[in-house]
Amino acid sequence: MIDRVSGERVVVLISEEYGPYFRISGQSEPEWLKAILEGKYYLPYWVSKVPSLDGEGMLEYFFGCAADQQKLQAIVDKINFEG
């Protein structure tokens, strides 16, 4: 998946406390992404808003410590804006 604002590839990172997560630019969760994560892949997750220096804001999608970083990255790489 490519971040619409930055134009950069979305990379799955690891939080020691919460496990795998990724960040995208935005103020609110896009419905198309929610439909893919919940509807197509049945992934449990939660979203946290993080302020950014440019004022755009970031959304962090957390998947929990049981999630596999490599499998999640493979899923994220398949996602495009059209679903």
C-alpha atoms as a PDB file:
ATOM      1  CA  MET A   1       0.000   0.000   0.000  1.00  0.00           C
ATOM      2  CA  ILE A   2       1.198   3.484  -0.789  1.00  0.00           C
ATOM      3  CA  ASP A   3       0.356   6.359   1.584  1.00  0.00           C
ATOM      4  CA  ARG A   4      -1.796   8.819  -0.380  1.00  0.00           C
ATOM      5  CA  VAL A   5      -0.227  11.911   1.205  1.00  0.00           C
ATOM      6  CA  SER A   6       3.469  11.017   1.390  1.00  0.00           C
ATOM      7  CA  GLY A   7       3.528   8.752  -1.660  1.00  0.00           C
ATOM      8  CA  GLU A   8       5.711   6.307   0.284  1.00  0.00           C
ATOM      9  CA  ARG A   9       5.239   2.566   0.794  1.00  0.00           C
ATOM     10  CA  VAL A  10       3.471   1.688   4.049  1.00  0.00           C
ATOM     11  CA  VAL A  11       5.780  -0.465   6.169  1.00  0.00           C
ATOM     12  CA  VAL A  12       4.737  -2.646   9.106  1.00  0.00           C
ATOM     13  CA  LEU A  13       6.693  -1.707  12.214  1.00  0.00           C
ATOM     14  CA  ILE A  14       6.888  -3.356  15.640  1.00  0.00           C
ATOM     15  CA  SER A  15       5.878  -1.841  18.961  1.00  0.00           C
ATOM     16  CA  GLU A  16       7.363  -3.687  21.941  1.00  0.00           C
ATOM     17  CA  GLU A  17       4.135  -3.086  23.820  1.00  0.00           C
ATOM     18  CA  TYR A  18       1.479  -3.580  21.109  1.00  0.00           C
ATOM     19  CA  GLY A  19       3.099  -5.683  18.383  1.00  0.00           C
ATOM     20  CA  PRO A  20       2.919  -5.026  14.620  1.00  0.00           C
ATOM     21  CA  TYR A  21       1.446  -1.757  13.362  1.00  0.00           C
ATOM     22  CA  PHE A  22       1.568   0.618  10.434  1.00  0.00           C
ATOM     23  CA  ARG A  23       1.021   4.343   9.948  1.00  0.00           C
ATOM     24  CA  ILE A  24      -0.822   6.272   7.275  1.00  0.00           C
ATOM     25  CA  SER A  25      -1.495   9.973   6.905  1.00  0.00           C
ATOM     26  CA  GLY A  26      -4.948  11.222   7.775  1.00  0.00           C
ATOM     27  CA  GLN A  27      -7.380  12.498  10.355  1.00  0.00           C
ATOM     28  CA  SER A  28      -9.976   9.726  10.218  1.00  0.00           C
ATOM     29  CA  GLU A  29      -9.995   6.074   9.224  1.00  0.00           C
ATOM     30  CA  PRO A  30     -10.798   5.625   5.525  1.00  0.00           C
ATOM     31  CA  GLU A  31     -13.889   3.465   5.022  1.00  0.00           C
ATOM     32  CA  TRP A  32     -12.308   1.631   2.064  1.00  0.00           C
ATOM     33  CA  LEU A  33      -9.388   0.508   4.280  1.00  0.00           C
ATOM     34  CA  LYS A  34     -11.703  -0.503   7.102  1.00  0.00           C
ATOM     35  CA  ALA A  35     -13.731  -2.615   4.651  1.00  0.00           C
ATOM     36  CA  ILE A  36     -10.592  -4.385   3.456  1.00  0.00           C
ATOM     37  CA  LEU A  37      -9.058  -5.056   6.873  1.00  0.00           C
ATOM     38  CA  GLU A  38     -12.308  -6.135   8.525  1.00  0.00           C
ATOM     39  CA  GLY A  39     -14.275  -7.492   5.582  1.00  0.00           C
ATOM     40  CA  LYS A  40     -11.740  -9.132   3.309  1.00  0.00           C
ATOM     41  CA  TYR A  41      -9.032 -10.185   5.788  1.00  0.00           C
ATOM     42  CA  TYR A  42     -11.007 -10.370   9.084  1.00  0.00           C
ATOM     43  CA  LEU A  43      -8.157  -8.689  10.954  1.00  0.00           C
ATOM     44  CA  PRO A  44      -8.820  -7.431  14.482  1.00  0.00           C
ATOM     45  CA  TYR A  45      -7.132  -4.060  15.007  1.00  0.00           C
ATOM     46  CA  TRP A  46      -7.466  -0.690  16.653  1.00  0.00           C
ATOM     47  CA  VAL A  47      -6.575   2.778  15.399  1.00  0.00           C
ATOM     48  CA  SER A  48      -4.798   5.549  17.266  1.00  0.00           C
ATOM     49  CA  LYS A  49      -4.555   9.168  16.079  1.00  0.00           C
ATOM     50  CA  VAL A  50      -1.108  10.737  16.326  1.00  0.00           C
ATOM     51  CA  PRO A  51      -0.435  14.421  15.662  1.00  0.00           C
ATOM     52  CA  SER A  52       2.251  15.279  13.119  1.00  0.00           C
ATOM     53  CA  LEU A  53       4.365  18.358  12.535  1.00  0.00           C
ATOM     54  CA  ASP A  54       2.676  19.164   9.218  1.00  0.00           C
ATOM     55  CA  GLY A  55      -0.770  19.244  10.839  1.00  0.00           C
ATOM     56  CA  GLU A  56      -2.083  16.432   8.656  1.00  0.00           C
ATOM     57  CA  GLY A  57      -1.965  13.876  11.449  1.00  0.00           C
ATOM     58  CA  MET A  58      -1.196  10.177  11.331  1.00  0.00           C
ATOM     59  CA  LEU A  59      -3.275   7.097  11.999  1.00  0.00           C
ATOM     60  CA  GLU A  60      -1.564   4.103  13.556  1.00  0.00           C
ATOM     61  CA  TYR A  61      -3.171   0.697  12.986  1.00  0.00           C
ATOM     62  CA  PHE A  62      -2.269  -1.817  15.718  1.00  0.00           C
ATOM     63  CA  PHE A  63      -2.830  -5.564  15.372  1.00  0.00           C
ATOM     64  CA  GLY A  64      -1.700  -6.965  18.733  1.00  0.00           C
ATOM     65  CA  CYS A  65       1.300  -8.986  19.824  1.00  0.00           C
ATOM     66  CA  ALA A  66      -0.051 -12.237  18.345  1.00  0.00           C
ATOM     67  CA  ALA A  67       0.028 -10.830  14.788  1.00  0.00           C
ATOM     68  CA  ASP A  68       2.853 -11.856  12.455  1.00  0.00           C
ATOM     69  CA  GLN A  69       4.809  -8.899  11.040  1.00  0.00           C
ATOM     70  CA  GLN A  70       5.759 -10.604   7.753  1.00  0.00           C
ATOM     71  CA  LYS A  71       2.236 -11.874   7.037  1.00  0.00           C
ATOM     72  CA  LEU A  72       0.787  -8.465   7.855  1.00  0.00           C
ATOM     73  CA  GLN A  73       3.314  -6.757   5.550  1.00  0.00           C
ATOM     74  CA  ALA A  74       2.317  -9.133   2.737  1.00  0.00           C
ATOM     75  CA  ILE A  75      -1.339  -8.146   3.228  1.00  0.00           C
ATOM     76  CA  VAL A  76      -0.528  -4.421   3.371  1.00  0.00           C
ATOM     77  CA  ASP A  77       1.526  -4.724   0.172  1.00  0.00           C
ATOM     78  CA  LYS A  78      -1.544  -6.114  -1.657  1.00  0.00           C
ATOM     79  CA  ILE A  79      -3.845  -3.246  -0.636  1.00  0.00           C
ATOM     80  CA  ASN A  80      -4.515  -0.438  -3.072  1.00  0.00           C
ATOM     81  CA  PHE A  81      -6.900   2.525  -2.886  1.00  0.00           C
ATOM     82  CA  GLU A  82      -9.578   0.815  -4.929  1.00  0.00           C
ATOM     83  CA  GLY A  83      -9.674  -2.204  -2.600  1.00  0.00           C
END
